[in-house]
Amino acid sequence: MKIAMIGQKGIPSHAGGIERHVEELSKMLVKQGHEVLVFCRRWYAQAQDNYCGIRCLETPCIKTKHLDAITHTFTSILRASREKVDVFHIHGVGPALLAWLPKILRPSAKVIVTFHCVDRHHQKWNAFARLMLWLGEWMACRIPDATIVVSKTLQTYCQKRYGIHAIYIPNGTQIPLEDADPSYLKDYDLVPNEYLMMCSRLVRHKGAHTLIKAWKILRAHEPQLVGQKKLAIVGGSAFTEDYIRELHALAQNDPSIVFTGTQTGPVLHALFRFSYAVVHPSESEGLPIAVLEAMGYGKCVLSSDIPENRELTDEAGLTFQTNNVDDLAGHLKMLITHPDLVKAVGVEARTYVATHYDWRDIAQKTAYLYEISCMEPIVEKSAS
């Protein structure tokens, strides 16, 4: 089949869970013999004719906070129609606002939407944007031939709010086997096994401010315990420069808090590999790829206790009360004082994600959904 991936910023991915999802899924679909087109935004990734067998196509967009995704989705659907694709696979509820358009331009093709997250809950959006994202949710659940959700929490949400049976196909991860070079840490004055790490886009709902506050409380109350350990915040802006300035002001040039910016490739590999533990304090998620990746590295993950995080960390991780700075500070202390527990949880986490969140299995399930969707109305849209 000829499949168009639409809604992501582009690949190779260097920031964003949807981008990583699309990249890994597309690679596996190509290995299964499908032709995959991934549409890219010029400002994010330079389009390549052949990236791991994937055709990357650049289409225009208006690069502003509110128009970037929707204008790129529009031009990508137009181009995909000219390419005569068999499947339009739209990622995200914002791009799903245009899920109806492929049905007009290319009626023989099928439309699949992956519902990655309830985006309207994110604080960066104004009232009008949240209204549009709610409408995108409705479109994502009502217009396509099939709706995929990446977590069981989202599956329940779609059933209760929109009355549909969405197909659960989660995010995945790879289990890294190659060694990492610790010299990459020198630029950030980090020492292997002597830093805790958060990896995320720096947007408010990811909770970096909560983590920084908790870290400062721990440092103030337990300076000898913390010692030379540091906190590494790995990630960059998503039209959120004001929030990043707020985070730097909150850190107040504390030398134990390190902002690395967005990282990819061997640097990110080294940061994950040599971290002591990983903290994920988010307030809203779909199914966090950053947590899956950390677990794949055999790291103990301490996450907020929102349901989407707990799908992972209840099985092989630790949780704290969402937005509770004091509770997070107490759990950070526990991590530092119990290295044997941190190691044991990390080993368990690696085994768990290798068993349940392998990209090969995820791609096979997705390809099967494409096939049965193309065979006419086999996929049920109404929940019982």
Protein backbone atom coordinates (compact mmCIF):
# COMPACT_ATOMS: atom_id res chain seq x y z
CA MET A 1 0.00 0.00 0.00
CA LYS A 2 0.94 3.63 -0.48
CA ILE A 3 0.60 5.45 2.85
CA ALA A 4 0.78 9.18 3.58
CA MET A 5 1.80 10.30 7.09
CA ILE A 6 0.33 13.75 7.74
CA GLY A 7 0.25 16.05 10.78
CA GLN A 8 3.78 15.55 12.11
CA LYS A 9 6.44 18.24 11.74
CA GLY A 10 8.75 15.90 9.85
CA ILE A 11 11.51 13.34 10.11
CA PRO A 12 14.25 12.66 11.09
CA SER A 13 12.73 13.50 14.47
CA HIS A 14 14.62 15.76 16.85
CA ALA A 15 11.82 16.91 19.15
CA GLY A 16 8.28 15.75 19.77
CA GLY A 17 6.65 12.43 20.53
CA ILE A 18 4.49 12.40 17.39
CA GLU A 19 7.56 12.88 15.22
CA ARG A 20 9.33 9.96 16.87
CA HIS A 21 6.17 7.86 16.56
CA VAL A 22 5.84 8.58 12.84
CA GLU A 23 9.52 7.97 12.16
CA GLU A 24 9.70 4.59 13.90
CA LEU A 25 6.34 3.42 12.55
CA SER A 26 7.26 4.46 9.00
CA LYS A 27 10.59 2.64 9.11
CA MET A 28 8.88 -0.58 10.11
CA LEU A 29 6.12 -0.21 7.51
CA VAL A 30 8.75 0.21 4.79
CA LYS A 31 10.44 -2.99 5.97
CA GLN A 32 7.08 -4.72 5.56
CA GLY A 33 7.00 -3.67 1.91
CA HIS A 34 4.76 -0.61 2.02
CA GLU A 35 5.50 2.71 0.31
CA VAL A 36 5.46 5.47 2.91
CA LEU A 37 5.36 9.24 2.30
CA VAL A 38 6.08 11.49 5.28
CA PHE A 39 5.23 15.18 4.90
CA CYS A 40 7.69 17.63 6.44
CA ARG A 41 7.82 21.30 7.39
CA ARG A 42 10.89 23.12 6.07
CA TRP A 43 11.68 24.79 9.39
CA TYR A 44 11.78 21.44 11.20
CA ALA A 45 13.47 18.93 8.90
CA GLN A 46 14.97 19.03 5.44
CA ALA A 47 13.03 16.65 3.23
CA GLN A 48 14.97 13.67 1.87
CA ASP A 49 14.05 11.64 -1.19
CA ASN A 50 15.04 8.45 0.59
CA TYR A 51 15.36 8.36 4.37
CA CYS A 52 15.56 4.71 5.48
CA GLY A 53 13.38 3.88 2.47
CA ILE A 54 10.82 6.59 3.31
CA ARG A 55 9.93 9.38 0.88
CA CYS A 56 10.02 12.68 2.74
CA LEU A 57 8.10 15.45 0.99
CA GLU A 58 8.18 19.13 1.92
CA THR A 59 4.94 21.08 1.72
CA PRO A 60 4.43 24.72 2.75
CA CYS A 61 2.99 26.02 5.99
CA ILE A 62 2.52 29.29 7.84
CA LYS A 63 4.95 29.11 10.75
CA THR A 64 2.99 30.61 13.61
CA LYS A 65 1.81 29.04 16.85
CA HIS A 66 -1.79 28.68 15.66
CA LEU A 67 -1.44 28.19 11.89
CA ASP A 68 1.64 26.00 11.53
CA ALA A 69 0.00 22.58 11.90
CA ILE A 70 -3.30 23.23 10.14
CA THR A 71 -1.82 24.93 7.05
CA HIS A 72 0.78 22.18 6.71
CA THR A 73 -1.92 19.54 7.01
CA PHE A 74 -3.94 21.23 4.27
CA THR A 75 -1.06 21.42 1.78
CA SER A 76 0.05 17.87 2.66
CA ILE A 77 -3.40 16.44 1.96
CA LEU A 78 -3.45 18.20 -1.42
CA ARG A 79 -0.06 16.75 -2.32
CA ALA A 80 -0.93 13.27 -1.03
CA SER A 81 -4.06 13.29 -3.20
CA ARG A 82 -1.93 14.02 -6.27
CA GLU A 83 0.36 11.17 -5.23
CA LYS A 84 -2.68 8.85 -5.30
CA VAL A 85 -2.08 7.35 -1.89
CA ASP A 86 -4.18 4.46 -0.59
CA VAL A 87 -4.18 5.58 3.06
CA PHE A 88 -4.14 9.05 4.60
CA HIS A 89 -2.82 8.54 8.13
CA ILE A 90 -3.36 11.77 10.07
CA HIS A 91 -1.60 12.26 13.40
CA GLY A 92 -3.07 14.46 16.14
CA VAL A 93 -6.45 16.02 16.83
CA GLY A 94 -5.42 19.43 15.46
CA PRO A 95 -4.64 18.06 11.97
CA ALA A 96 -7.78 15.87 12.25
CA LEU A 97 -9.83 19.04 11.67
CA LEU A 98 -9.21 18.31 7.98
CA ALA A 99 -9.92 14.55 8.10
CA TRP A 100 -12.91 15.12 5.81
CA LEU A 101 -10.84 16.62 2.99
CA PRO A 102 -9.23 13.39 1.67
CA LYS A 103 -12.70 11.86 1.36
CA ILE A 104 -13.58 14.59 -1.15
CA LEU A 105 -10.28 14.70 -3.01
CA ARG A 106 -9.65 10.94 -3.17
CA PRO A 107 -12.79 8.98 -2.24
CA SER A 108 -11.20 5.59 -2.94
CA ALA A 109 -8.57 6.09 -0.25
CA LYS A 110 -9.04 5.38 3.44
CA VAL A 111 -8.50 7.85 6.28
CA ILE A 112 -6.96 6.81 9.59
CA VAL A 113 -6.45 9.20 12.50
CA THR A 114 -4.20 8.57 15.48
CA PHE A 115 -5.47 10.35 18.59
CA HIS A 116 -2.20 11.05 20.42
CA CYS A 117 -3.32 13.32 23.25
CA VAL A 118 -6.14 15.56 24.53
CA ASP A 119 -4.32 18.68 23.32
CA ARG A 120 -6.99 21.16 24.39
CA HIS A 121 -5.97 20.59 28.01
CA HIS A 122 -2.56 22.15 27.36
CA GLN A 123 -2.13 25.59 28.91
CA LYS A 124 -0.42 27.16 25.91
CA TRP A 125 -3.67 27.36 23.91
CA ASN A 126 -6.20 30.22 24.09
CA ALA A 127 -9.96 29.72 24.20
CA PHE A 128 -10.44 29.73 20.41
CA ALA A 129 -7.62 27.24 19.88
CA ARG A 130 -9.11 24.95 22.52
CA LEU A 131 -12.46 25.12 20.74
CA MET A 132 -10.79 24.12 17.48
CA LEU A 133 -8.95 21.27 19.22
CA TRP A 134 -12.23 20.03 20.68
CA LEU A 135 -13.71 20.08 17.18
CA GLY A 136 -10.60 18.21 16.01
CA GLU A 137 -11.28 15.55 18.63
CA TRP A 138 -14.82 15.15 17.30
CA MET A 139 -13.49 14.89 13.74
CA ALA A 140 -10.83 12.39 14.82
CA CYS A 141 -13.51 10.15 16.28
CA ARG A 142 -16.32 10.59 13.77
CA ILE A 143 -14.86 11.16 10.29
CA PRO A 144 -12.09 8.59 9.63
CA ASP A 145 -12.50 4.98 8.63
CA ALA A 146 -10.68 4.04 11.84
CA THR A 147 -9.42 5.90 14.90
CA ILE A 148 -6.28 4.76 16.71
CA VAL A 149 -5.47 5.74 20.29
CA VAL A 150 -2.03 5.32 21.85
CA SER A 151 -3.20 4.58 25.40
CA LYS A 152 -5.99 2.69 27.12
CA THR A 153 -6.84 5.89 28.97
CA LEU A 154 -7.52 7.62 25.64
CA GLN A 155 -9.52 4.62 24.46
CA THR A 156 -11.82 4.99 27.46
CA TYR A 157 -12.01 8.75 26.90
CA CYS A 158 -13.11 8.34 23.27
CA GLN A 159 -15.72 5.77 24.21
CA LYS A 160 -17.24 7.82 27.03
CA ARG A 161 -17.11 11.23 25.33
CA TYR A 162 -17.71 10.38 21.68
CA GLY A 163 -19.31 6.93 21.81
CA ILE A 164 -16.81 5.18 19.55
CA HIS A 165 -14.66 2.11 19.83
CA ALA A 166 -11.17 3.40 19.04
CA ILE A 167 -8.40 0.93 18.24
CA TYR A 168 -5.67 0.73 20.89
CA ILE A 169 -2.21 0.65 19.31
CA PRO A 170 0.35 2.18 21.70
CA ASN A 171 3.55 4.09 21.16
CA GLY A 172 6.69 1.98 21.17
CA THR A 173 10.40 2.08 21.75
CA GLN A 174 13.63 0.41 20.75
CA ILE A 175 15.91 -1.30 23.26
CA PRO A 176 19.32 0.39 22.81
CA LEU A 177 22.17 -2.08 22.70
CA GLU A 178 25.09 0.04 21.50
CA ASP A 179 27.57 1.71 23.84
CA ALA A 180 27.52 5.47 24.44
CA ASP A 181 30.42 7.91 24.61
CA PRO A 182 30.56 9.68 28.00
CA SER A 183 32.63 12.51 26.50
CA TYR A 184 29.38 14.00 25.16
CA LEU A 185 28.50 14.89 28.75
CA LYS A 186 31.48 17.20 29.17
CA ASP A 187 29.86 20.12 27.37
CA TYR A 188 27.19 20.17 30.09
CA ASP A 189 29.53 19.46 33.01
CA LEU A 190 27.70 16.21 33.75
CA VAL A 191 29.24 13.05 35.23
CA PRO A 192 27.89 9.54 34.49
CA ASN A 193 25.39 8.32 37.09
CA GLU A 194 25.55 11.67 38.91
CA TYR A 195 22.53 13.40 37.38
CA LEU A 196 18.78 12.94 37.17
CA MET A 197 17.23 13.72 33.82
CA MET A 198 14.01 15.07 32.37
CA CYS A 199 13.55 14.78 28.59
CA SER A 200 10.65 16.68 27.04
CA ARG A 201 9.58 19.65 24.99
CA LEU A 202 9.59 22.61 27.33
CA VAL A 203 5.89 23.37 27.45
CA ARG A 204 4.06 24.07 30.69
CA HIS A 205 1.97 20.90 30.84
CA LYS A 206 5.17 18.82 30.89
CA GLY A 207 5.83 20.15 34.38
CA ALA A 208 9.49 21.19 34.26
CA HIS A 209 8.71 24.05 36.67
CA THR A 210 7.38 21.55 39.22
CA LEU A 211 10.56 19.49 38.95
CA ILE A 212 12.85 22.51 39.33
CA LYS A 213 10.97 23.68 42.43
CA ALA A 214 11.17 20.21 43.97
CA TRP A 215 14.88 19.92 43.18
CA LYS A 216 15.58 23.27 44.84
CA ILE A 217 13.67 22.18 47.95
CA LEU A 218 15.68 18.97 48.13
CA ARG A 219 18.96 20.84 47.66
CA ALA A 220 18.06 23.33 50.37
CA HIS A 221 17.00 20.67 52.90
CA GLU A 222 19.50 17.91 52.07
CA PRO A 223 22.65 19.51 50.62
CA GLN A 224 24.95 16.73 51.81
CA LEU A 225 22.68 14.04 50.40
CA VAL A 226 22.47 15.68 46.99
CA GLY A 227 26.21 16.41 46.97
CA GLN A 228 27.48 16.84 43.43
CA LYS A 229 24.41 15.37 41.75
CA LYS A 230 22.73 17.51 39.11
CA LEU A 231 19.40 17.85 37.34
CA ALA A 232 19.56 17.81 33.52
CA ILE A 233 16.59 19.33 31.66
CA VAL A 234 16.77 18.04 28.08
CA GLY A 235 14.48 19.71 25.54
CA GLY A 236 13.63 22.92 23.74
CA SER A 237 10.84 25.26 22.78
CA ALA A 238 7.56 24.51 21.05
CA PHE A 239 6.52 28.15 20.46
CA THR A 240 7.03 28.51 24.25
CA GLU A 241 9.98 30.92 24.60
CA ASP A 242 8.26 32.80 27.46
CA TYR A 243 7.96 29.59 29.45
CA ILE A 244 11.63 28.75 28.88
CA ARG A 245 12.63 32.17 30.19
CA GLU A 246 10.45 31.47 33.22
CA LEU A 247 12.27 28.17 33.81
CA HIS A 248 15.70 29.80 33.61
CA ALA A 249 14.58 32.49 36.04
CA LEU A 250 13.27 29.80 38.38
CA ALA A 251 16.60 27.99 38.25
CA GLN A 252 18.34 31.29 39.15
CA ASN A 253 21.65 30.19 37.62
CA ASP A 254 21.83 27.24 40.03
CA PRO A 255 24.88 25.28 38.76
CA SER A 256 23.20 21.99 39.69
CA ILE A 257 20.40 22.61 37.13
CA VAL A 258 21.58 22.11 33.56
CA PHE A 259 19.57 23.05 30.46
CA THR A 260 20.92 21.13 27.46
CA GLY A 261 18.41 22.32 24.86
CA THR A 262 17.03 19.92 22.27
CA GLN A 263 19.31 16.93 21.71
CA THR A 264 19.31 14.04 19.25
CA GLY A 265 21.56 11.25 18.08
CA PRO A 266 24.66 10.28 20.07
CA VAL A 267 24.32 13.17 22.54
CA LEU A 268 20.79 12.18 23.53
CA HIS A 269 21.89 8.55 23.60
CA ALA A 270 24.66 9.41 26.06
CA LEU A 271 22.37 11.55 28.21
CA PHE A 272 19.91 8.69 28.61
CA ARG A 273 22.56 5.98 28.98
CA PHE A 274 24.51 7.68 31.79
CA SER A 275 21.63 9.20 33.77
CA TYR A 276 21.01 7.98 37.32
CA ALA A 277 17.22 8.07 36.91
CA VAL A 278 14.60 9.85 34.78
CA VAL A 279 11.80 12.09 36.06
CA HIS A 280 8.65 12.83 34.04
CA PRO A 281 6.43 15.35 35.91
CA SER A 282 3.81 15.98 33.20
CA GLU A 283 0.22 17.05 33.79
CA SER A 284 -1.16 15.76 30.47
CA GLU A 285 -0.04 13.01 28.07
CA GLY A 286 -1.08 10.51 25.45
CA LEU A 287 1.41 7.74 26.14
CA PRO A 288 4.81 9.37 26.75
CA ILE A 289 7.53 8.19 24.38
CA ALA A 290 10.16 9.82 26.61
CA VAL A 291 9.14 7.46 29.42
CA LEU A 292 9.18 4.46 27.09
CA GLU A 293 12.65 5.42 25.87
CA ALA A 294 13.98 5.84 29.39
CA MET A 295 12.59 2.44 30.38
CA GLY A 296 14.17 0.96 27.25
CA TYR A 297 17.52 2.21 28.54
CA GLY A 298 16.88 0.36 31.79
CA LYS A 299 16.28 3.52 33.78
CA CYS A 300 14.09 3.91 36.83
CA VAL A 301 11.38 6.42 35.88
CA LEU A 302 9.64 8.58 38.47
CA SER A 303 6.50 9.99 36.86
CA SER A 304 3.49 12.03 37.88
CA ASP A 305 0.49 9.86 38.66
CA ILE A 306 -1.75 10.85 35.75
CA PRO A 307 -3.41 7.74 34.24
CA GLU A 308 -1.45 7.89 30.97
CA ASN A 309 1.89 7.76 32.81
CA ARG A 310 0.67 5.08 35.19
CA GLU A 311 -0.05 2.74 32.28
CA LEU A 312 3.73 2.42 32.20
CA THR A 313 5.05 3.22 35.66
CA ASP A 314 2.47 1.21 37.63
CA GLU A 315 4.00 -1.87 36.01
CA ALA A 316 7.68 -0.93 36.22
CA GLY A 317 8.35 2.48 37.73
CA LEU A 318 7.53 4.94 40.51
CA THR A 319 5.01 7.77 40.79
CA PHE A 320 4.39 10.94 42.77
CA GLN A 321 1.32 13.14 43.16
CA THR A 322 0.86 15.34 40.07
CA ASN A 323 1.77 19.01 40.69
CA ASN A 324 2.73 18.26 44.33
CA VAL A 325 6.17 19.85 44.71
CA ASP A 326 6.76 18.55 48.24
CA ASP A 327 5.77 15.00 47.32
CA LEU A 328 8.09 15.11 44.32
CA ALA A 329 10.94 16.42 46.49
CA GLY A 330 10.37 13.51 48.89
CA HIS A 331 10.48 10.99 46.04
CA LEU A 332 13.67 12.55 44.64
CA LYS A 333 15.23 12.08 48.07
CA MET A 334 14.10 8.46 48.06
CA LEU A 335 15.70 7.89 44.65
CA ILE A 336 19.04 9.22 45.80
CA THR A 337 19.04 7.29 49.06
CA HIS A 338 18.06 3.94 47.49
CA PRO A 339 20.38 3.20 44.55
CA ASP A 340 19.66 -0.53 44.73
CA LEU A 341 15.95 0.14 44.25
CA VAL A 342 16.69 2.47 41.34
CA LYS A 343 18.75 -0.22 39.64
CA ALA A 344 16.19 -2.98 40.23
CA VAL A 345 13.28 -0.90 38.92
CA GLY A 346 15.31 0.00 35.84
CA VAL A 347 16.01 -3.66 35.03
CA GLU A 348 12.32 -4.48 35.41
CA ALA A 349 11.35 -1.53 33.21
CA ARG A 350 13.62 -2.61 30.37
CA THR A 351 12.13 -6.10 30.35
CA TYR A 352 8.58 -4.76 30.49
CA VAL A 353 8.81 -2.39 27.52
CA ALA A 354 10.75 -4.91 25.42
CA THR A 355 7.84 -7.32 25.88
CA HIS A 356 4.90 -4.94 25.39
CA TYR A 357 6.02 -1.92 23.34
CA ASP A 358 8.09 -3.16 20.42
CA TRP A 359 7.78 -1.07 17.23
CA ARG A 360 7.72 -4.17 15.02
CA ASP A 361 4.56 -5.43 16.69
CA ILE A 362 3.02 -1.96 16.60
CA ALA A 363 3.71 -1.61 12.86
CA GLN A 364 2.18 -5.02 12.16
CA LYS A 365 -1.01 -4.07 14.01
CA THR A 366 -1.17 -0.75 12.17
CA ALA A 367 -0.66 -2.36 8.76
CA TYR A 368 -3.39 -4.89 9.53
CA LEU A 369 -5.74 -2.03 10.40
CA TYR A 370 -4.94 -0.37 7.07
CA GLU A 371 -5.77 -3.61 5.26
CA ILE A 372 -9.09 -4.30 6.93
CA SER A 373 -10.11 -0.65 6.60
CA CYS A 374 -9.50 -0.87 2.85
CA MET A 375 -11.77 -3.92 2.62
CA GLU A 376 -14.90 -1.83 3.36
CA PRO A 377 -16.74 -1.25 6.64
CA ILE A 378 -15.18 -3.95 8.81
CA VAL A 379 -14.00 -1.60 11.58
CA GLU A 380 -16.75 -0.74 14.05
CA LYS A 381 -17.07 2.98 14.84
CA SER A 382 -19.84 2.75 17.42
CA ALA A 383 -19.18 1.64 20.97
CA SER A 384 -21.55 -0.82 22.55
